Amino acid sequence: MRNKIVLILLGFLALGACNVPRETLYFKDNRRTDTSIVRTPIPPYQQSLIASDDILAVEISSISDFTSKDPVRIFNEGGILYNLTPSSGSQGSGGGNSGSNLKGYLVDPDGYIDYPVIGKLKVAGLTLREIKTLLANRLASDYVKDPVVEVRILNYKVTVMGEVRYPGVVIAPNHRMNVLEAIAASGDINLTGRKDNVMVIREVNGHREFATVNLNSRNVFTNPYFVLKQNDIVYVQAGRAVRENTANIFVRFYLPVLATVLSVTAAIIAFSLMNKN
């Protein structure tokens, strides 16, 4: 009898210890008994438009014979050396840490880059594909026969702040990132953070937009702000206990757990004494 009572009390204690606030769970609306498969359409990928302060890496190659002037080498040696190491140990999405010294062309406030020989080139408002076509046409007309142009954004980044393990800048070498990837690259959300109220801050046409993403729900994948854009800010809000009184977190979180443990221990001792008598 005494062993049964002890097991029951320990079971209640385990249930209490495993009670995780619902706001800290990913996709909590996926129930264990729900065996259905839910399919949602994936929106088509849209290339980002180049804007001021973007840094572009441009590489030119050609399978044709070169002249003694070697024009391809001249074009590839252009650009300024940038150190693009992410802060706070953040890892770039889709390929690990992309921090290194790389040459690139900074897009000025008017949307131009200063490209070798060609001079000022308007790139703001264009996609990478459009810039490749523009450069290939300009080079093929006067400088390089059958050029192959590759263009990348070196500083394609988002900033992750708030209740994550490694707040800071996350660089995406493949020019694509969603909220889950950015948070994973920042070491995931802390236990004190909320997954149901992740804020995405975005600048669009001179305005700043504030949107909420709910990672508790599987419907998050259809949220238009789930897929991030260049220079977005992701802010993870603190949970209720931290917001109300961060200095008194022991009283609000650890003290109730300790009191429960002591109560169960006292109950077990009491039942043991009663059985002995």
Protein backbone atom coordinates (compact mmCIF):
# COMPACT_ATOMS: atom_id res chain seq x y z
CA MET A 1 0.00 0.00 0.00
CA ARG A 2 2.76 2.38 0.93
CA ASN A 3 4.53 1.80 -2.39
CA LYS A 4 1.35 2.57 -4.34
CA ILE A 5 0.88 5.87 -2.51
CA VAL A 6 4.47 6.86 -3.17
CA LEU A 7 4.12 6.07 -6.88
CA ILE A 8 0.90 8.11 -7.13
CA LEU A 9 2.51 11.12 -5.46
CA LEU A 10 5.57 10.88 -7.67
CA GLY A 11 3.29 10.72 -10.72
CA PHE A 12 1.58 13.98 -9.72
CA LEU A 13 4.97 15.54 -9.16
CA ALA A 14 6.17 14.47 -12.61
CA LEU A 15 3.06 15.90 -14.24
CA GLY A 16 3.63 19.20 -12.50
CA ALA A 17 7.29 19.30 -13.50
CA CYS A 18 6.47 18.57 -17.16
CA ASN A 19 3.88 21.32 -17.41
CA VAL A 20 5.40 23.64 -20.00
CA PRO A 21 3.72 26.97 -20.73
CA ARG A 22 1.79 26.67 -24.00
CA GLU A 23 3.34 29.87 -25.34
CA THR A 24 6.79 28.22 -25.42
CA LEU A 25 5.80 25.30 -27.71
CA TYR A 26 6.29 25.01 -31.45
CA PHE A 27 3.20 23.98 -33.47
CA LYS A 28 1.12 23.13 -30.38
CA ASP A 29 -2.03 22.73 -32.51
CA ASN A 30 -0.61 19.44 -33.87
CA ARG A 31 -2.29 16.95 -31.54
CA ARG A 32 -0.82 13.49 -30.96
CA THR A 33 -4.13 11.89 -31.99
CA ASP A 34 -4.29 13.90 -35.23
CA THR A 35 -3.01 11.51 -37.92
CA SER A 36 -4.26 13.54 -40.86
CA ILE A 37 -1.85 15.11 -43.33
CA VAL A 38 -2.35 18.81 -43.95
CA ARG A 39 -0.93 20.26 -47.14
CA THR A 40 -0.51 23.98 -47.68
CA PRO A 41 0.74 25.61 -50.89
CA ILE A 42 4.28 27.00 -50.88
CA PRO A 43 4.34 30.52 -52.31
CA PRO A 44 6.66 30.98 -55.29
CA TYR A 45 10.10 32.34 -54.52
CA GLN A 46 10.48 36.04 -55.27
CA GLN A 47 13.94 37.44 -55.77
CA SER A 48 14.82 40.42 -53.60
CA LEU A 49 15.20 43.82 -55.19
CA ILE A 50 18.60 45.43 -54.80
CA ALA A 51 18.61 48.51 -52.56
CA SER A 52 21.07 51.07 -51.23
CA ASP A 53 23.81 49.71 -48.92
CA ASP A 54 23.67 46.26 -50.48
CA ILE A 55 27.11 44.85 -51.33
CA LEU A 56 27.28 42.97 -54.62
CA ALA A 57 29.92 40.45 -55.63
CA VAL A 58 30.33 40.23 -59.41
CA GLU A 59 32.30 37.51 -61.20
CA ILE A 60 32.86 37.47 -64.97
CA SER A 61 33.98 34.46 -66.98
CA SER A 62 34.07 33.47 -70.65
CA ILE A 63 34.90 30.35 -72.65
CA SER A 64 36.20 32.43 -75.54
CA ASP A 65 39.86 33.10 -76.21
CA PHE A 66 41.13 36.21 -74.45
CA THR A 67 43.22 38.95 -75.94
CA SER A 68 46.56 39.91 -74.46
CA LYS A 69 44.76 42.56 -72.39
CA ASP A 70 42.84 39.84 -70.54
CA PRO A 71 39.66 41.90 -69.99
CA VAL A 72 38.00 39.34 -67.70
CA ARG A 73 40.80 39.68 -65.16
CA ILE A 74 40.35 43.47 -65.17
CA PHE A 75 36.66 43.19 -64.33
CA ASN A 76 37.12 40.54 -61.65
CA GLU A 77 39.78 42.53 -59.80
CA GLY A 78 37.37 45.38 -59.07
CA GLY A 79 35.49 46.00 -55.86
CA ILE A 80 36.32 46.87 -52.28
CA LEU A 81 37.36 44.31 -49.65
CA TYR A 82 34.68 43.83 -46.96
CA ASN A 83 34.82 41.88 -43.71
CA LEU A 84 31.39 40.27 -43.43
CA THR A 85 31.75 38.27 -40.23
CA PRO A 86 28.35 37.88 -38.49
CA SER A 87 28.16 39.20 -34.93
CA SER A 88 27.54 37.21 -31.73
CA GLY A 89 28.57 33.92 -33.29
CA SER A 90 25.49 33.71 -35.51
CA GLN A 91 25.66 31.25 -38.36
CA GLY A 92 24.58 32.00 -41.88
CA SER A 93 21.52 30.08 -43.05
CA GLY A 94 22.01 27.50 -45.75
CA GLY A 95 25.73 27.01 -45.57
CA GLY A 96 27.16 27.92 -42.19
CA ASN A 97 29.17 30.93 -41.17
CA SER A 98 29.79 33.08 -44.22
CA GLY A 99 31.98 35.63 -42.49
CA SER A 100 35.13 36.36 -44.49
CA ASN A 101 36.95 39.06 -46.40
CA LEU A 102 35.20 39.38 -49.75
CA LYS A 103 35.35 41.93 -52.54
CA GLY A 104 32.16 43.65 -53.53
CA TYR A 105 30.52 46.79 -54.85
CA LEU A 106 28.53 48.94 -52.43
CA VAL A 107 25.26 50.29 -53.82
CA ASP A 108 25.33 54.04 -53.14
CA PRO A 109 22.33 56.08 -51.84
CA ASP A 110 21.31 56.84 -55.44
CA GLY A 111 21.24 53.14 -56.36
CA TYR A 112 24.46 52.96 -58.42
CA ILE A 113 27.62 50.88 -58.29
CA ASP A 114 30.91 52.06 -59.78
CA TYR A 115 31.93 49.18 -62.04
CA PRO A 116 35.38 48.97 -63.73
CA VAL A 117 35.58 50.41 -67.27
CA ILE A 118 31.78 50.63 -67.60
CA GLY A 119 31.47 53.24 -64.82
CA LYS A 120 28.23 54.06 -62.99
CA LEU A 121 25.64 51.32 -63.26
CA LYS A 122 22.08 51.67 -61.94
CA VAL A 123 21.18 48.50 -60.01
CA ALA A 124 18.70 49.59 -57.32
CA GLY A 125 15.24 48.16 -57.88
CA LEU A 126 16.57 45.29 -60.02
CA THR A 127 16.75 41.59 -59.18
CA LEU A 128 20.00 39.65 -59.37
CA ARG A 129 18.83 38.04 -62.60
CA GLU A 130 18.17 41.43 -64.18
CA ILE A 131 21.60 42.69 -63.11
CA LYS A 132 23.25 39.62 -64.67
CA THR A 133 21.47 40.29 -67.96
CA LEU A 134 22.32 43.99 -67.86
CA LEU A 135 26.03 43.36 -67.23
CA ALA A 136 26.26 40.56 -69.79
CA ASN A 137 24.77 42.80 -72.49
CA ARG A 138 27.08 45.71 -71.65
CA LEU A 139 30.17 43.52 -71.59
CA ALA A 140 29.32 41.56 -74.74
CA SER A 141 28.79 44.71 -76.79
CA ASP A 142 32.29 46.16 -76.24
CA TYR A 143 34.57 44.16 -73.96
CA VAL A 144 34.09 40.39 -73.51
CA LYS A 145 32.83 37.83 -75.99
CA ASP A 146 30.11 35.51 -74.67
CA PRO A 147 30.45 36.59 -71.01
CA VAL A 148 29.04 34.55 -68.14
CA VAL A 149 28.06 36.78 -65.24
CA GLU A 150 27.46 35.73 -61.63
CA VAL A 151 26.12 38.25 -59.08
CA ARG A 152 25.58 37.69 -55.35
CA ILE A 153 24.52 39.82 -52.40
CA LEU A 154 27.33 39.55 -49.86
CA ASN A 155 25.49 41.17 -46.96
CA TYR A 156 22.05 39.56 -47.31
CA LYS A 157 21.17 39.56 -43.63
CA VAL A 158 18.48 39.73 -40.98
CA THR A 159 18.82 40.80 -37.34
CA VAL A 160 17.49 38.56 -34.55
CA MET A 161 16.88 40.15 -31.15
CA GLY A 162 15.21 39.34 -27.84
CA GLU A 163 14.88 35.96 -26.13
CA VAL A 164 17.22 33.88 -28.31
CA ARG A 165 20.50 32.25 -27.37
CA TYR A 166 22.71 34.32 -29.72
CA PRO A 167 21.15 37.68 -30.63
CA GLY A 168 22.82 39.34 -33.59
CA VAL A 169 23.07 39.48 -37.36
CA VAL A 170 22.48 36.33 -39.43
CA ILE A 171 23.80 36.24 -43.00
CA ALA A 172 22.10 34.10 -45.65
CA PRO A 173 24.55 33.16 -48.43
CA ASN A 174 21.73 31.72 -50.58
CA HIS A 175 19.64 34.95 -50.35
CA ARG A 176 16.74 33.12 -48.72
CA MET A 177 15.71 32.83 -45.09
CA ASN A 178 12.53 32.29 -43.11
CA VAL A 179 11.74 32.99 -39.47
CA LEU A 180 12.49 29.45 -38.30
CA GLU A 181 15.87 29.41 -40.07
CA ALA A 182 16.84 32.78 -38.59
CA ILE A 183 15.88 31.66 -35.08
CA ALA A 184 17.67 28.32 -35.47
CA ALA A 185 20.82 30.15 -36.63
CA SER A 186 20.58 32.24 -33.44
CA GLY A 187 20.55 29.21 -31.18
CA ASP A 188 16.75 28.82 -30.86
CA ILE A 189 14.34 30.65 -28.56
CA ASN A 190 15.11 30.57 -24.85
CA LEU A 191 12.69 28.91 -22.45
CA THR A 192 11.77 32.41 -21.26
CA GLY A 193 10.79 33.50 -24.79
CA ARG A 194 7.38 33.41 -26.45
CA LYS A 195 6.86 31.53 -29.69
CA ASP A 196 3.30 32.77 -30.18
CA ASN A 197 4.20 36.43 -30.65
CA VAL A 198 7.38 36.78 -32.74
CA MET A 199 7.59 40.23 -34.30
CA VAL A 200 8.96 40.91 -37.78
CA ILE A 201 9.96 44.51 -38.50
CA ARG A 202 10.38 45.45 -42.16
CA GLU A 203 11.06 48.66 -44.08
CA VAL A 204 9.00 49.04 -47.25
CA ASN A 205 8.98 52.13 -49.48
CA GLY A 206 9.99 54.51 -46.71
CA HIS A 207 7.61 52.98 -44.14
CA ARG A 208 8.23 50.57 -41.28
CA GLU A 209 5.88 47.58 -40.94
CA PHE A 210 5.34 45.56 -37.74
CA ALA A 211 3.90 42.06 -38.16
CA THR A 212 3.34 39.14 -35.78
CA VAL A 213 4.26 35.53 -36.52
CA ASN A 214 2.80 32.74 -34.37
CA LEU A 215 5.18 29.78 -34.20
CA ASN A 216 2.72 27.89 -31.99
CA SER A 217 0.61 27.20 -35.06
CA ARG A 218 1.35 25.15 -38.16
CA ASN A 219 -0.47 27.86 -40.11
CA VAL A 220 2.63 30.01 -39.64
CA PHE A 221 3.91 28.75 -43.01
CA THR A 222 1.13 30.66 -44.78
CA ASN A 223 1.93 33.92 -42.99
CA PRO A 224 3.22 36.45 -45.57
CA TYR A 225 5.96 37.50 -43.12
CA PHE A 226 7.21 33.96 -42.49
CA VAL A 227 9.66 34.32 -45.40
CA LEU A 228 12.06 37.11 -44.48
CA LYS A 229 13.53 39.82 -46.66
CA GLN A 230 16.84 41.61 -46.68
CA ASN A 231 17.43 43.71 -43.51
CA ASP A 232 14.35 42.41 -41.66
CA ILE A 233 14.43 42.47 -37.86
CA VAL A 234 13.07 39.49 -35.90
CA TYR A 235 12.22 40.21 -32.27
CA VAL A 236 11.32 37.40 -29.83
CA GLN A 237 9.28 38.69 -26.91
CA ALA A 238 9.95 37.57 -23.35
CA GLY A 239 7.43 35.39 -21.55
CA ARG A 240 5.04 36.68 -18.92
CA ALA A 241 7.22 35.87 -15.92
CA VAL A 242 10.16 37.79 -17.36
CA ARG A 243 8.07 40.77 -18.46
CA GLU A 244 6.32 41.21 -15.12
CA ASN A 245 9.31 40.98 -12.83
CA THR A 246 12.65 39.82 -14.16
CA ALA A 247 14.36 40.56 -10.83
CA ASN A 248 11.94 38.28 -8.97
CA ILE A 249 11.98 35.29 -11.35
CA PHE A 250 13.07 32.96 -8.53
CA VAL A 251 9.94 33.75 -6.53
CA ARG A 252 7.66 33.35 -9.55
CA PHE A 253 9.14 30.24 -11.15
CA TYR A 254 11.56 28.30 -8.97
CA LEU A 255 9.92 28.86 -5.57
CA PRO A 256 6.59 27.18 -6.56
CA VAL A 257 8.51 24.18 -7.92
CA LEU A 258 10.57 23.96 -4.74
CA ALA A 259 7.44 24.25 -2.61
CA THR A 260 5.81 21.42 -4.59
CA VAL A 261 8.85 19.17 -4.10
CA LEU A 262 8.94 19.88 -0.36
CA SER A 263 5.19 19.26 -0.03
CA VAL A 264 5.37 15.92 -1.79
CA THR A 265 8.40 14.92 0.28
CA ALA A 266 6.59 15.82 3.50
CA ALA A 267 3.54 13.85 2.38
CA ILE A 268 5.64 10.78 1.64
CA ILE A 269 7.31 10.98 5.04
CA ALA A 270 3.93 11.39 6.74
CA PHE A 271 2.45 8.36 4.98
CA SER A 272 5.53 6.32 5.86
CA LEU A 273 5.19 7.19 9.55
CA MET A 274 1.46 6.37 9.50
CA ASN A 275 2.12 2.94 7.99
CA LYS A 276 4.79 2.18 10.59
CA ASN A 277 2.37 3.00 13.37
